[in-house]
């Protein structure tokens, strides 16, 4: 893993500076969700930034792109500059947000699709209210929309200016509906002249599934009878903190102006008779009044929370395969096998009696390319 950083104009996509000494605390990218990071730009000394470093670190005028040097691939959704702090020191601190974060900076206007493919709805929302310049004459998002796969489930929605909701809020709501679409941001590299532009990807499924009847091409293993391997560590988290685990879900919708009542639909998990009732009540959108839609949201949320929010974070050596941006990408299927018996019959990882194995998806990734021993941490969901 070898990552270089390039600053490009947010509007034109034209590169304005290479940043060879720029570093980031960690690169973080997740399906359908913005992630924040912190960058550090030396401005004096032997490793100082280019002469135009002020212009190359101007908030929301510049995107900083992490690029895998071996193949020129922009990693994840890139990063927009979300601020800048300068002191008497010789390093400027640069708060960053992944490409998805821009969609939390744009408000949704009026749009009322009726029985329209869900992928089209998301593409239209982004096209109308982010890509198209506003009447104020300010710059729109220079992105393209890429619909992946076939048409998805048809939906009916009503979006209004009066809702005062960002694009991100509405994209998240539809993604959270039962069978809802997935989305993420990537970047395309154009030449003649050289430019980099964001791409809004949407589809029923983002990433590559395993071929029918076959295991995924990407595999992560640690412990058991396997000597060594590419993994150095793991963290298996079962999170039951408030809002992360529940067995009784209630989704409520728009309050009726006449009765003052809110429609509500519930879903419950009764598969663990030893557990106390744990409630979670949420409003997936202030504009929802349809009972079937509310029930879909409750059922989807229950599937996520009924066994706690579980995730498996794996640490991969920076010089070992599989590598993010080369061997796997967000949404891809992967196989994992952590722990299990050694050749002597002992537990190789005592914290996981019997081991942990299966096939799931990469829903996020954290990379630390700027430390002496670089690491990549794929985040696996549904384990």
Protein backbone atom coordinates (compact mmCIF):
# COMPACT_ATOMS: atom_id res chain seq x y z
CA UNK A 1 0.00 0.00 0.00
CA UNK A 2 1.44 3.32 -1.12
CA UNK A 3 -0.83 6.37 -0.99
CA UNK A 4 -0.13 9.83 -2.42
CA UNK A 5 -2.29 12.92 -1.97
CA UNK A 6 -3.42 15.36 -4.65
CA UNK A 7 -5.37 18.62 -4.20
CA UNK A 8 -7.91 19.36 -6.95
CA UNK A 9 -10.30 22.23 -7.52
CA UNK A 10 -13.73 21.26 -6.19
CA UNK A 11 -15.57 22.90 -9.12
CA UNK A 12 -13.30 22.32 -12.14
CA UNK A 13 -11.62 19.10 -10.96
CA UNK A 14 -8.26 20.42 -12.15
CA UNK A 15 -5.25 19.36 -10.01
CA UNK A 16 -3.61 22.31 -8.30
CA UNK A 17 -0.96 20.68 -6.09
CA UNK A 18 0.68 17.41 -5.17
CA UNK A 19 0.97 17.11 -1.38
CA UNK A 20 3.87 14.71 -0.76
CA UNK A 21 4.13 15.48 2.97
CA UNK A 22 0.41 15.67 3.75
CA UNK A 23 -0.78 13.08 6.29
CA UNK A 24 -4.16 11.95 7.63
CA UNK A 25 -4.99 10.44 11.03
CA UNK A 26 -6.85 7.69 9.14
CA UNK A 27 -8.76 7.35 5.88
CA UNK A 28 -12.35 6.30 6.64
CA UNK A 29 -14.99 5.35 4.08
CA UNK A 30 -18.41 3.75 4.63
CA UNK A 31 -21.30 2.79 2.34
CA UNK A 32 -23.92 5.53 2.26
CA UNK A 33 -22.48 7.57 5.14
CA UNK A 34 -20.05 10.48 5.50
CA UNK A 35 -16.91 10.00 7.57
CA UNK A 36 -14.70 12.66 9.13
CA UNK A 37 -10.91 12.71 9.22
CA UNK A 38 -8.12 15.12 10.19
CA UNK A 39 -5.28 16.04 7.87
CA UNK A 40 -1.95 17.66 8.69
CA UNK A 41 -0.13 19.93 6.23
CA UNK A 42 3.48 21.02 7.04
CA UNK A 43 3.94 24.66 5.98
CA UNK A 44 7.60 25.23 6.87
CA UNK A 45 10.84 23.34 7.31
CA UNK A 46 12.34 20.68 5.10
CA UNK A 47 8.97 19.06 4.39
CA UNK A 48 6.94 22.19 3.81
CA UNK A 49 3.93 22.27 1.51
CA UNK A 50 3.96 23.70 -2.04
CA UNK A 51 4.04 27.48 -2.43
CA UNK A 52 0.32 27.56 -3.25
CA UNK A 53 -0.61 25.60 -0.09
CA UNK A 54 -3.15 28.24 1.03
CA UNK A 55 -5.13 27.91 -2.20
CA UNK A 56 -4.66 24.13 -2.08
CA UNK A 57 -6.26 23.90 1.36
CA UNK A 58 -9.18 26.32 0.99
CA UNK A 59 -12.35 24.89 2.62
CA UNK A 60 -14.96 23.59 0.16
CA UNK A 61 -12.91 24.99 -2.73
CA UNK A 62 -10.64 21.95 -2.79
CA UNK A 63 -10.88 18.17 -2.58
CA UNK A 64 -7.89 16.20 -1.39
CA UNK A 65 -7.75 12.82 -3.08
CA UNK A 66 -5.85 9.82 -1.67
CA UNK A 67 -4.52 7.90 -4.65
CA UNK A 68 -3.10 4.39 -4.69
CA UNK A 69 0.22 5.01 -6.44
CA UNK A 70 0.44 1.54 -7.98
CA UNK A 71 -2.69 1.92 -10.12
CA UNK A 72 -3.74 5.59 -9.91
CA UNK A 73 -7.03 4.63 -8.26
CA UNK A 74 -8.66 7.26 -6.05
CA UNK A 75 -9.37 5.48 -2.79
CA UNK A 76 -12.90 5.55 -1.44
CA UNK A 77 -14.92 8.73 -1.78
CA UNK A 78 -12.08 11.23 -1.51
CA UNK A 79 -12.13 14.09 1.00
CA UNK A 80 -13.44 17.64 0.98
CA UNK A 81 -11.72 20.25 3.14
CA UNK A 82 -14.11 21.04 5.96
CA UNK A 83 -12.07 23.73 7.71
CA UNK A 84 -8.53 24.86 8.47
CA UNK A 85 -6.67 25.80 11.65
CA UNK A 86 -3.44 27.77 11.58
CA UNK A 87 -1.30 28.57 14.62
CA UNK A 88 2.26 29.74 15.32
CA UNK A 89 3.37 26.19 14.62
CA UNK A 90 4.61 24.85 11.32
CA UNK A 91 1.67 22.50 10.61
CA UNK A 92 -1.83 23.48 9.45
CA UNK A 93 -4.60 21.23 10.72
CA UNK A 94 -7.16 20.36 8.03
CA UNK A 95 -10.52 18.85 9.08
CA UNK A 96 -11.85 16.63 6.29
CA UNK A 97 -15.11 14.91 5.37
CA UNK A 98 -15.55 12.11 2.85
CA UNK A 99 -17.27 12.86 -0.46
CA UNK A 100 -20.68 11.85 0.90
CA UNK A 101 -20.48 14.77 3.31
CA UNK A 102 -21.29 17.29 0.58
CA UNK A 103 -24.80 15.86 0.37
CA UNK A 104 -25.40 17.00 3.95
CA UNK A 105 -24.68 20.57 2.80
CA UNK A 106 -27.49 20.74 0.23
CA UNK A 107 -31.19 21.15 0.93
CA UNK A 108 -33.88 19.09 -0.82
CA UNK A 109 -36.40 20.92 -2.98
CA UNK A 110 -39.82 19.92 -4.27
CA UNK A 111 -40.01 16.49 -5.92
CA UNK A 112 -42.90 13.99 -5.82
CA UNK A 113 -42.14 10.69 -7.61
CA UNK A 114 -45.03 8.22 -7.86
CA UNK A 115 -44.17 4.52 -8.28
CA UNK A 116 -40.71 5.35 -9.57
CA UNK A 117 -37.67 3.06 -9.44
CA UNK A 118 -35.82 3.81 -6.19
CA UNK A 119 -32.47 4.16 -7.96
CA UNK A 120 -33.97 6.79 -10.23
CA UNK A 121 -35.37 8.64 -7.21
CA UNK A 122 -31.96 8.92 -5.58
CA UNK A 123 -30.34 9.88 -8.87
CA UNK A 124 -32.97 12.55 -9.46
CA UNK A 125 -32.60 13.95 -5.94
CA UNK A 126 -28.86 14.35 -6.41
CA UNK A 127 -29.20 15.68 -9.97
CA UNK A 128 -31.87 18.26 -9.16
CA UNK A 129 -30.66 19.47 -5.79
CA UNK A 130 -26.87 19.02 -5.82
CA UNK A 131 -25.58 18.79 -9.39
CA UNK A 132 -27.85 21.45 -10.93
CA UNK A 133 -26.71 24.95 -9.90
CA UNK A 134 -29.18 26.79 -7.71
CA UNK A 135 -31.01 29.94 -8.77
CA UNK A 136 -28.62 31.86 -6.53
CA UNK A 137 -25.95 31.38 -9.19
CA UNK A 138 -23.59 29.37 -6.97
CA UNK A 139 -21.65 26.36 -8.20
CA UNK A 140 -23.36 22.98 -8.32
CA UNK A 141 -21.65 19.68 -7.52
CA UNK A 142 -19.67 18.62 -10.63
CA UNK A 143 -20.69 14.99 -10.26
CA UNK A 144 -22.22 12.39 -12.55
CA UNK A 145 -24.79 9.75 -11.59
CA UNK A 146 -23.97 6.10 -12.17
CA UNK A 147 -26.85 3.62 -11.78
CA UNK A 148 -25.52 0.14 -11.05
CA UNK A 149 -27.51 -2.91 -12.12
CA UNK A 150 -31.18 -3.21 -12.97
CA UNK A 151 -34.02 -1.03 -11.78
CA UNK A 152 -34.91 -1.39 -8.12
CA UNK A 153 -38.16 -1.42 -6.19
CA UNK A 154 -40.68 1.25 -7.12
CA UNK A 155 -41.41 3.87 -4.48
CA UNK A 156 -43.67 6.84 -3.92
CA UNK A 157 -42.29 9.82 -2.03
CA UNK A 158 -43.08 13.50 -1.51
CA UNK A 159 -40.23 15.92 -0.88
CA UNK A 160 -40.90 19.57 -0.10
CA UNK A 161 -38.86 22.67 0.64
CA UNK A 162 -40.88 23.12 3.83
CA UNK A 163 -39.44 19.86 5.21
CA UNK A 164 -36.05 21.61 5.60
CA UNK A 165 -34.20 18.33 5.07
CA UNK A 166 -30.80 17.81 3.53
CA UNK A 167 -30.18 15.47 0.64
CA UNK A 168 -28.23 13.19 2.96
CA UNK A 169 -31.21 12.89 5.28
CA UNK A 170 -33.52 11.83 2.46
CA UNK A 171 -30.97 9.48 0.88
CA UNK A 172 -30.47 7.84 4.27
CA UNK A 173 -34.22 7.42 4.77
CA UNK A 174 -34.73 5.64 1.46
CA UNK A 175 -31.64 3.48 1.96
CA UNK A 176 -33.07 2.43 5.34
CA UNK A 177 -36.39 1.25 3.89
CA UNK A 178 -36.85 -2.49 3.43
CA UNK A 179 -34.97 -3.47 0.26
CA UNK A 180 -33.84 0.12 -0.13
CA UNK A 181 -31.10 1.24 -2.53
CA UNK A 182 -27.42 1.54 -1.65
CA UNK A 183 -25.19 4.42 -2.66
CA UNK A 184 -21.66 5.69 -2.39
CA UNK A 185 -19.33 8.28 -3.92
CA UNK A 186 -16.24 7.48 -6.01
CA UNK A 187 -14.06 9.60 -8.32
CA UNK A 188 -13.26 9.39 -12.03
CA UNK A 189 -10.00 10.54 -13.60
CA UNK A 190 -10.25 12.29 -16.96
CA UNK A 191 -7.45 13.36 -19.28
CA UNK A 192 -7.03 16.04 -21.95
CA UNK A 193 -6.98 18.12 -19.75
CA UNK A 194 -6.44 16.20 -16.54
CA UNK A 195 -9.42 16.44 -14.16
CA UNK A 196 -10.98 14.51 -11.29
CA UNK A 197 -14.75 14.47 -10.75
CA UNK A 198 -16.99 12.76 -8.18
CA UNK A 199 -19.44 10.03 -9.19
CA UNK A 200 -22.65 9.32 -7.27
CA UNK A 201 -23.17 5.54 -7.52
CA UNK A 202 -26.57 4.07 -6.71
CA UNK A 203 -28.04 0.61 -7.07
CA UNK A 204 -29.93 -2.11 -5.29
CA UNK A 205 -26.49 -3.51 -4.51
CA UNK A 206 -23.11 -1.74 -4.42
CA UNK A 207 -20.07 -3.99 -4.73
CA UNK A 208 -19.35 -7.41 -6.19
CA UNK A 209 -21.24 -10.47 -4.88
CA UNK A 210 -19.72 -13.93 -4.83
CA UNK A 211 -20.47 -16.00 -7.92
CA UNK A 212 -23.37 -18.43 -7.49
CA UNK A 213 -22.24 -21.55 -5.66
CA UNK A 214 -18.72 -20.21 -5.09
CA UNK A 215 -16.92 -18.51 -2.22
CA UNK A 216 -15.84 -14.87 -2.62
CA UNK A 217 -12.47 -14.15 -4.18
CA UNK A 218 -11.39 -12.17 -1.11
CA UNK A 219 -10.65 -14.03 2.12
CA UNK A 220 -9.46 -12.88 5.55
CA UNK A 221 -8.06 -15.46 7.99
CA UNK A 222 -6.39 -15.40 11.38
CA UNK A 223 -5.68 -18.21 13.82
CA UNK A 224 -6.80 -21.80 13.58
CA UNK A 225 -4.37 -24.03 11.75
CA UNK A 226 -3.24 -21.18 9.49
CA UNK A 227 0.39 -20.21 10.12
CA UNK A 228 0.86 -16.45 9.81
CA UNK A 229 -1.44 -14.82 7.27
CA UNK A 230 -2.14 -11.25 6.21
CA UNK A 231 -4.13 -10.29 9.34
CA UNK A 232 -2.41 -8.92 12.41
CA UNK A 233 -5.44 -8.24 14.62
CA UNK A 234 -9.23 -8.10 14.78
CA UNK A 235 -11.99 -6.53 16.87
CA UNK A 236 -15.38 -8.23 17.07
CA UNK A 237 -17.86 -5.75 18.55
CA UNK A 238 -21.37 -6.44 19.83
CA UNK A 239 -22.72 -3.00 20.65
CA UNK A 240 -25.84 -2.76 22.82
CA UNK A 241 -25.39 0.88 23.82
CA UNK A 242 -28.45 3.10 23.55
CA UNK A 243 -29.58 3.22 19.92
CA UNK A 244 -27.40 0.31 18.81
CA UNK A 245 -29.31 -2.71 20.08
CA UNK A 246 -33.02 -3.38 20.64
CA UNK A 247 -35.59 -6.17 20.37
CA UNK A 248 -38.68 -3.91 20.11
CA UNK A 249 -38.67 -1.32 17.34
CA UNK A 250 -41.34 1.33 16.83
CA UNK A 251 -41.23 3.55 13.74
CA UNK A 252 -43.48 6.59 13.79
CA UNK A 253 -44.41 9.03 11.05
CA UNK A 254 -45.85 12.46 10.46
CA UNK A 255 -48.08 13.78 13.25
CA UNK A 256 -51.61 14.50 12.06
CA UNK A 257 -52.34 18.22 12.38
CA UNK A 258 -55.97 17.57 13.31
CA UNK A 259 -55.75 14.68 15.76
CA UNK A 260 -52.25 15.31 17.05
CA UNK A 261 -51.55 11.57 16.68
CA UNK A 262 -48.58 9.97 14.96
CA UNK A 263 -48.99 6.73 12.98
CA UNK A 264 -46.76 3.97 14.35
CA UNK A 265 -45.69 0.49 13.29
CA UNK A 266 -43.75 -1.97 15.45
CA UNK A 267 -41.56 -5.01 14.97
CA UNK A 268 -40.26 -7.32 17.70
CA UNK A 269 -37.63 -10.05 18.01
CA UNK A 270 -38.63 -12.95 20.28
CA UNK A 271 -35.73 -15.25 19.45
CA UNK A 272 -33.90 -14.74 22.76
CA UNK A 273 -36.13 -15.76 25.70
CA UNK A 274 -33.41 -14.81 28.23
CA UNK A 275 -33.36 -11.15 27.26
CA UNK A 276 -35.21 -8.20 28.76
CA UNK A 277 -37.24 -5.98 26.44
CA UNK A 278 -35.10 -3.23 24.93
CA UNK A 279 -37.05 -0.51 23.10
CA UNK A 280 -35.99 1.73 20.26
CA UNK A 281 -38.42 4.32 18.88
CA UNK A 282 -37.46 6.38 15.86
CA UNK A 283 -38.84 8.59 13.12
CA UNK A 284 -37.33 7.52 9.77
CA UNK A 285 -38.70 10.67 8.12
CA UNK A 286 -41.02 13.50 9.13
CA UNK A 287 -42.83 13.13 5.80
CA UNK A 288 -43.88 9.48 6.15
CA UNK A 289 -47.54 8.76 6.94
CA UNK A 290 -47.98 5.46 5.08
CA UNK A 291 -48.25 2.48 7.47
CA UNK A 292 -46.63 0.00 5.09
CA UNK A 293 -43.58 2.23 4.67
CA UNK A 294 -43.28 2.65 8.44
CA UNK A 295 -43.50 -1.12 8.92
CA UNK A 296 -40.73 -1.64 6.36
CA UNK A 297 -38.51 0.75 8.27
CA UNK A 298 -39.28 -0.98 11.58
CA UNK A 299 -38.50 -4.41 10.12
CA UNK A 300 -35.27 -3.20 8.52
CA UNK A 301 -34.11 -1.57 11.75
CA UNK A 302 -35.01 -4.68 13.75
CA UNK A 303 -32.86 -6.86 11.47
CA UNK A 304 -29.92 -4.55 12.22
CA UNK A 305 -30.45 -4.15 15.97
CA UNK A 306 -32.05 -7.40 17.21
CA UNK A 307 -28.68 -8.94 18.06
CA UNK A 308 -26.93 -5.68 18.79
CA UNK A 309 -24.94 -3.77 16.23
CA UNK A 310 -22.26 -6.29 15.30
CA UNK A 311 -19.16 -5.55 13.33
CA UNK A 312 -15.86 -7.25 12.66
CA UNK A 313 -12.85 -5.00 12.07
CA UNK A 314 -9.79 -6.73 10.62
CA UNK A 315 -6.29 -5.31 10.50
CA UNK A 316 -4.34 -6.15 7.35
CA UNK A 317 -0.62 -5.55 6.98
CA UNK A 318 0.01 -2.70 4.57
CA UNK A 319 2.22 -4.78 2.29
CA UNK A 320 -0.04 -7.86 2.17
CA UNK A 321 -3.04 -8.80 0.07
CA UNK A 322 -5.94 -8.34 -0.07
CA UNK A 323 -5.68 -4.55 -0.37
CA UNK A 324 -8.49 -1.99 -0.53
CA UNK A 325 -8.68 -0.24 -3.89
CA UNK A 326 -6.85 -3.10 -5.58
CA UNK A 327 -8.30 -6.45 -4.46
CA UNK A 328 -11.58 -5.33 -2.88
CA UNK A 329 -13.90 -2.33 -2.69
CA UNK A 330 -16.85 -1.18 -0.57
CA UNK A 331 -19.81 -3.55 -0.80
CA UNK A 332 -17.81 -6.56 -2.00
CA UNK A 333 -18.50 -10.00 -0.58
CA UNK A 334 -15.69 -11.57 1.40
CA UNK A 335 -15.01 -14.70 3.40
CA UNK A 336 -13.69 -14.52 6.95
CA UNK A 337 -12.37 -17.15 9.32
CA UNK A 338 -11.11 -15.98 12.71
CA UNK A 339 -9.88 -18.40 15.35
CA UNK A 340 -10.75 -22.08 15.66
CA UNK A 341 -8.73 -25.06 16.82
CA UNK A 342 -4.99 -25.33 16.34
CA UNK A 343 -3.33 -28.54 15.14
CA UNK A 344 -2.99 -29.43 18.84
CA UNK A 345 -6.73 -29.05 19.43
CA UNK A 346 -6.45 -25.86 21.50
CA UNK A 347 -8.41 -22.66 20.89
CA UNK A 348 -6.18 -20.41 18.78
CA UNK A 349 -8.07 -17.30 19.93
CA UNK A 350 -9.56 -17.80 23.41
CA UNK A 351 -11.98 -14.85 23.11
CA UNK A 352 -13.75 -16.65 20.24
CA UNK A 353 -14.51 -20.20 21.41
CA UNK A 354 -15.00 -22.32 18.31
CA UNK A 355 -13.94 -19.45 16.06
CA UNK A 356 -15.93 -17.08 13.89
CA UNK A 357 -16.43 -17.66 10.19
CA UNK A 358 -18.78 -16.88 7.35
CA UNK A 359 -19.40 -14.83 4.24
CA UNK A 360 -20.44 -11.21 4.48
CA UNK A 361 -19.77 -7.79 2.96
CA UNK A 362 -17.25 -5.01 3.39
CA UNK A 363 -19.38 -2.08 4.56
CA UNK A 364 -16.53 0.24 5.50
CA UNK A 365 -12.79 0.61 5.65
CA UNK A 366 -10.24 2.50 7.70
CA UNK A 367 -6.73 2.94 6.37
CA UNK A 368 -3.62 4.28 8.09
CA UNK A 369 -1.17 4.71 5.22
CA UNK A 370 0.93 7.41 6.91
CA UNK A 371 2.38 5.40 9.79
CA UNK A 372 5.68 3.46 9.70
CA UNK A 373 3.83 0.16 9.26
CA UNK A 374 0.71 0.97 7.20
CA UNK A 375 -2.49 -0.93 7.98
CA UNK A 376 -5.90 -1.38 6.40
CA UNK A 377 -8.95 -2.23 8.51
CA UNK A 378 -11.94 -3.52 6.51
CA UNK A 379 -15.20 -3.32 8.47
CA UNK A 380 -17.45 -6.33 7.92
CA UNK A 381 -21.19 -6.10 8.55
CA UNK A 382 -23.72 -8.73 9.54
CA UNK A 383 -21.31 -11.02 11.36
